[in-house]
Amino acid sequence: MKDATSRTEAQKSLLDILDKRPLWVNKCTSKLFVILLSLEEERSINEVFSYLTEEMVIDLFVEAKTQYYHYLDVTRWNY
């Protein structure tokens, strides 16, 4: 998962996540994230992103990043 410091970077990272659909993404349960997961075409996803505010995109990114690091903590052995 790529880190993001702006809306465009967060959007690129989210598009990458939505394209690959890793296992941990099922833990992202906000309504907007579920809608994005249900869309098939990248063009449709970009259209939804165009209607979102910067804060909403960043909130989606934070939700995905939180679940990603939670997944790493749970599945990784610490020696």
N, C-alpha and C. Protein backbone atom coordinates (compact mmCIF):
# COMPACT_ATOMS: atom_id res chain seq x y z
N MET A 1 0.84 -1.18 0.00
CA MET A 1 0.00 0.00 0.00
C MET A 1 0.89 1.24 0.00
N LYS A 2 0.59 2.15 -0.90
CA LYS A 2 1.38 3.37 -1.02
C LYS A 2 0.87 4.42 -0.04
N ASP A 3 1.79 5.19 0.53
CA ASP A 3 1.40 6.30 1.39
C ASP A 3 0.94 7.46 0.53
N ALA A 4 0.14 8.34 1.12
CA ALA A 4 -0.39 9.47 0.38
C ALA A 4 -0.36 10.72 1.25
N THR A 5 -0.01 11.84 0.62
CA THR A 5 -0.01 13.11 1.33
C THR A 5 -0.94 14.12 0.68
N SER A 6 -1.59 13.75 -0.42
CA SER A 6 -2.52 14.64 -1.09
C SER A 6 -3.71 13.84 -1.62
N ARG A 7 -4.68 14.56 -2.13
CA ARG A 7 -5.88 13.90 -2.66
C ARG A 7 -5.53 13.01 -3.84
N THR A 8 -4.71 13.48 -4.75
CA THR A 8 -4.40 12.69 -5.94
C THR A 8 -3.64 11.42 -5.58
N GLU A 9 -2.71 11.50 -4.63
CA GLU A 9 -1.98 10.32 -4.21
C GLU A 9 -2.90 9.33 -3.50
N ALA A 10 -3.80 9.84 -2.67
CA ALA A 10 -4.76 8.98 -1.99
C ALA A 10 -5.68 8.30 -3.00
N GLN A 11 -6.09 9.04 -4.00
CA GLN A 11 -6.96 8.50 -5.04
C GLN A 11 -6.25 7.40 -5.83
N LYS A 12 -4.99 7.62 -6.17
CA LYS A 12 -4.21 6.60 -6.90
C LYS A 12 -4.05 5.34 -6.05
N SER A 13 -3.77 5.53 -4.78
CA SER A 13 -3.61 4.39 -3.88
C SER A 13 -4.93 3.62 -3.75
N LEU A 14 -6.03 4.33 -3.62
CA LEU A 14 -7.34 3.68 -3.53
C LEU A 14 -7.69 2.94 -4.82
N LEU A 15 -7.36 3.53 -5.96
CA LEU A 15 -7.61 2.84 -7.23
C LEU A 15 -6.81 1.55 -7.32
N ASP A 16 -5.57 1.59 -6.83
CA ASP A 16 -4.74 0.39 -6.81
C ASP A 16 -5.35 -0.68 -5.90
N ILE A 17 -5.84 -0.27 -4.75
CA ILE A 17 -6.48 -1.20 -3.82
C ILE A 17 -7.74 -1.79 -4.45
N LEU A 18 -8.56 -0.94 -5.06
CA LEU A 18 -9.80 -1.41 -5.67
C LEU A 18 -9.54 -2.32 -6.86
N ASP A 19 -8.42 -2.11 -7.53
CA ASP A 19 -8.06 -2.96 -8.67
C ASP A 19 -7.61 -4.34 -8.21
N LYS A 20 -6.78 -4.39 -7.18
CA LYS A 20 -6.23 -5.67 -6.71
C LYS A 20 -7.16 -6.39 -5.74
N ARG A 21 -7.99 -5.66 -5.02
CA ARG A 21 -8.96 -6.21 -4.06
C ARG A 21 -8.34 -7.26 -3.13
N PRO A 22 -7.38 -6.83 -2.31
CA PRO A 22 -6.79 -7.79 -1.36
C PRO A 22 -7.81 -8.24 -0.31
N LEU A 23 -7.48 -9.29 0.39
CA LEU A 23 -8.39 -9.89 1.36
C LEU A 23 -8.82 -8.91 2.45
N TRP A 24 -7.90 -8.10 2.94
CA TRP A 24 -8.20 -7.22 4.05
C TRP A 24 -9.17 -6.10 3.68
N VAL A 25 -9.39 -5.86 2.41
CA VAL A 25 -10.28 -4.77 2.00
C VAL A 25 -11.74 -5.07 2.39
N ASN A 26 -12.05 -6.33 2.66
CA ASN A 26 -13.41 -6.68 3.10
C ASN A 26 -13.72 -6.11 4.48
N LYS A 27 -12.71 -5.72 5.22
CA LYS A 27 -12.91 -5.13 6.55
C LYS A 27 -13.27 -3.64 6.47
N CYS A 28 -13.13 -3.04 5.31
CA CYS A 28 -13.51 -1.64 5.11
C CYS A 28 -15.01 -1.59 4.90
N THR A 29 -15.75 -1.08 5.87
CA THR A 29 -17.19 -1.22 5.85
C THR A 29 -17.96 0.10 5.74
N SER A 30 -17.29 1.20 5.49
CA SER A 30 -18.05 2.45 5.33
C SER A 30 -18.91 2.34 4.07
N LYS A 31 -20.02 3.03 4.07
CA LYS A 31 -20.97 2.94 2.95
C LYS A 31 -20.31 3.32 1.63
N LEU A 32 -19.51 4.36 1.65
CA LEU A 32 -18.86 4.82 0.42
C LEU A 32 -17.86 3.79 -0.10
N PHE A 33 -17.14 3.15 0.81
CA PHE A 33 -16.17 2.14 0.39
C PHE A 33 -16.89 0.93 -0.22
N VAL A 34 -18.01 0.56 0.35
CA VAL A 34 -18.79 -0.56 -0.18
C VAL A 34 -19.30 -0.23 -1.58
N ILE A 35 -19.74 1.01 -1.78
CA ILE A 35 -20.19 1.42 -3.11
C ILE A 35 -19.04 1.34 -4.11
N LEU A 36 -17.87 1.83 -3.73
CA LEU A 36 -16.72 1.77 -4.63
C LEU A 36 -16.33 0.33 -4.94
N LEU A 37 -16.43 -0.56 -3.96
CA LEU A 37 -16.11 -1.97 -4.19
C LEU A 37 -17.09 -2.62 -5.16
N SER A 38 -18.31 -2.13 -5.19
CA SER A 38 -19.32 -2.74 -6.06
C SER A 38 -19.16 -2.31 -7.51
N LEU A 39 -18.43 -1.23 -7.76
CA LEU A 39 -18.22 -0.76 -9.13
C LEU A 39 -17.15 -1.58 -9.82
N GLU A 40 -17.35 -1.88 -11.07
CA GLU A 40 -16.42 -2.72 -11.82
C GLU A 40 -15.40 -1.91 -12.63
N GLU A 41 -15.85 -0.87 -13.31
CA GLU A 41 -14.99 -0.14 -14.23
C GLU A 41 -14.26 1.01 -13.53
N GLU A 42 -13.02 1.20 -13.91
CA GLU A 42 -12.22 2.28 -13.32
C GLU A 42 -12.83 3.63 -13.68
N ARG A 43 -13.43 3.72 -14.85
CA ARG A 43 -14.05 4.98 -15.27
C ARG A 43 -15.19 5.36 -14.32
N SER A 44 -15.98 4.38 -13.91
CA SER A 44 -17.07 4.63 -12.96
C SER A 44 -16.54 5.05 -11.60
N ILE A 45 -15.47 4.42 -11.18
CA ILE A 45 -14.85 4.76 -9.89
C ILE A 45 -14.30 6.18 -9.93
N ASN A 46 -13.64 6.55 -11.03
CA ASN A 46 -13.12 7.91 -11.17
C ASN A 46 -14.25 8.94 -11.18
N GLU A 47 -15.38 8.57 -11.76
CA GLU A 47 -16.53 9.48 -11.77
C GLU A 47 -17.03 9.72 -10.35
N VAL A 48 -17.08 8.67 -9.54
CA VAL A 48 -17.50 8.83 -8.14
C VAL A 48 -16.48 9.70 -7.40
N PHE A 49 -15.19 9.46 -7.65
CA PHE A 49 -14.15 10.27 -7.00
C PHE A 49 -14.29 11.75 -7.35
N SER A 50 -14.73 12.05 -8.56
CA SER A 50 -14.86 13.46 -8.96
C SER A 50 -15.93 14.19 -8.15
N TYR A 51 -16.90 13.45 -7.61
CA TYR A 51 -17.96 14.08 -6.82
C TYR A 51 -17.60 14.18 -5.34
N LEU A 52 -16.54 13.53 -4.91
CA LEU A 52 -16.17 13.53 -3.50
C LEU A 52 -15.32 14.73 -3.15
N THR A 53 -15.44 15.18 -1.91
CA THR A 53 -14.57 16.25 -1.44
C THR A 53 -13.21 15.65 -1.08
N GLU A 54 -12.24 16.51 -0.91
CA GLU A 54 -10.89 16.06 -0.55
C GLU A 54 -10.92 15.32 0.78
N GLU A 55 -11.70 15.81 1.71
CA GLU A 55 -11.79 15.19 3.03
C GLU A 55 -12.36 13.77 2.93
N MET A 56 -13.34 13.57 2.07
CA MET A 56 -13.95 12.25 1.92
C MET A 56 -12.96 11.24 1.33
N VAL A 57 -12.16 11.68 0.35
CA VAL A 57 -11.16 10.80 -0.26
C VAL A 57 -10.10 10.43 0.77
N ILE A 58 -9.67 11.40 1.54
CA ILE A 58 -8.65 11.14 2.56
C ILE A 58 -9.21 10.23 3.65
N ASP A 59 -10.48 10.41 4.02
CA ASP A 59 -11.10 9.52 5.01
C ASP A 59 -11.15 8.08 4.50
N LEU A 60 -11.46 7.89 3.22
CA LEU A 60 -11.45 6.55 2.63
C LEU A 60 -10.05 5.95 2.67
N PHE A 61 -9.05 6.78 2.36
CA PHE A 61 -7.67 6.31 2.39
C PHE A 61 -7.26 5.92 3.80
N VAL A 62 -7.63 6.72 4.78
CA VAL A 62 -7.29 6.43 6.18
C VAL A 62 -7.95 5.13 6.62
N GLU A 63 -9.20 4.91 6.22
CA GLU A 63 -9.88 3.67 6.57
C GLU A 63 -9.15 2.47 5.96
N ALA A 64 -8.77 2.57 4.69
CA ALA A 64 -8.06 1.48 4.03
C ALA A 64 -6.69 1.25 4.68
N LYS A 65 -5.99 2.33 4.97
CA LYS A 65 -4.66 2.21 5.57
C LYS A 65 -4.74 1.58 6.96
N THR A 66 -5.76 1.95 7.73
CA THR A 66 -5.95 1.38 9.07
C THR A 66 -6.17 -0.12 8.98
N GLN A 67 -7.02 -0.55 8.07
CA GLN A 67 -7.29 -1.97 7.91
C GLN A 67 -6.07 -2.72 7.39
N TYR A 68 -5.29 -2.07 6.53
CA TYR A 68 -4.07 -2.69 6.00
C TYR A 68 -3.08 -2.96 7.13
N TYR A 69 -2.83 -1.96 7.96
CA TYR A 69 -1.87 -2.15 9.05
C TYR A 69 -2.41 -3.10 10.12
N HIS A 70 -3.71 -3.10 10.33
CA HIS A 70 -4.30 -4.08 11.25
C HIS A 70 -4.09 -5.49 10.71
N TYR A 71 -4.29 -5.67 9.42
CA TYR A 71 -4.07 -6.97 8.78
C TYR A 71 -2.61 -7.41 8.93
N LEU A 72 -1.68 -6.48 8.74
CA LEU A 72 -0.26 -6.82 8.90
C LEU A 72 0.05 -7.22 10.34
N ASP A 73 -0.51 -6.49 11.29
CA ASP A 73 -0.26 -6.80 12.71
C ASP A 73 -0.80 -8.17 13.09
N VAL A 74 -1.95 -8.52 12.57
CA VAL A 74 -2.58 -9.79 12.93
C VAL A 74 -1.89 -10.97 12.25
N THR A 75 -1.43 -10.78 11.03
CA THR A 75 -0.89 -11.92 10.27
C THR A 75 0.63 -12.07 10.35
N ARG A 76 1.31 -11.09 10.85
CA ARG A 76 2.77 -11.13 10.90
C ARG A 76 3.25 -11.60 12.25
N TRP A 77 4.20 -12.51 12.24
CA TRP A 77 4.80 -12.96 13.49
C TRP A 77 5.88 -11.98 13.91
N ASN A 78 5.87 -11.60 15.17
CA ASN A 78 6.89 -10.69 15.70
C ASN A 78 7.88 -11.50 16.53
N TYR A 79 9.09 -11.54 16.07
CA TYR A 79 10.15 -12.25 16.80
C TYR A 79 11.14 -11.27 17.37
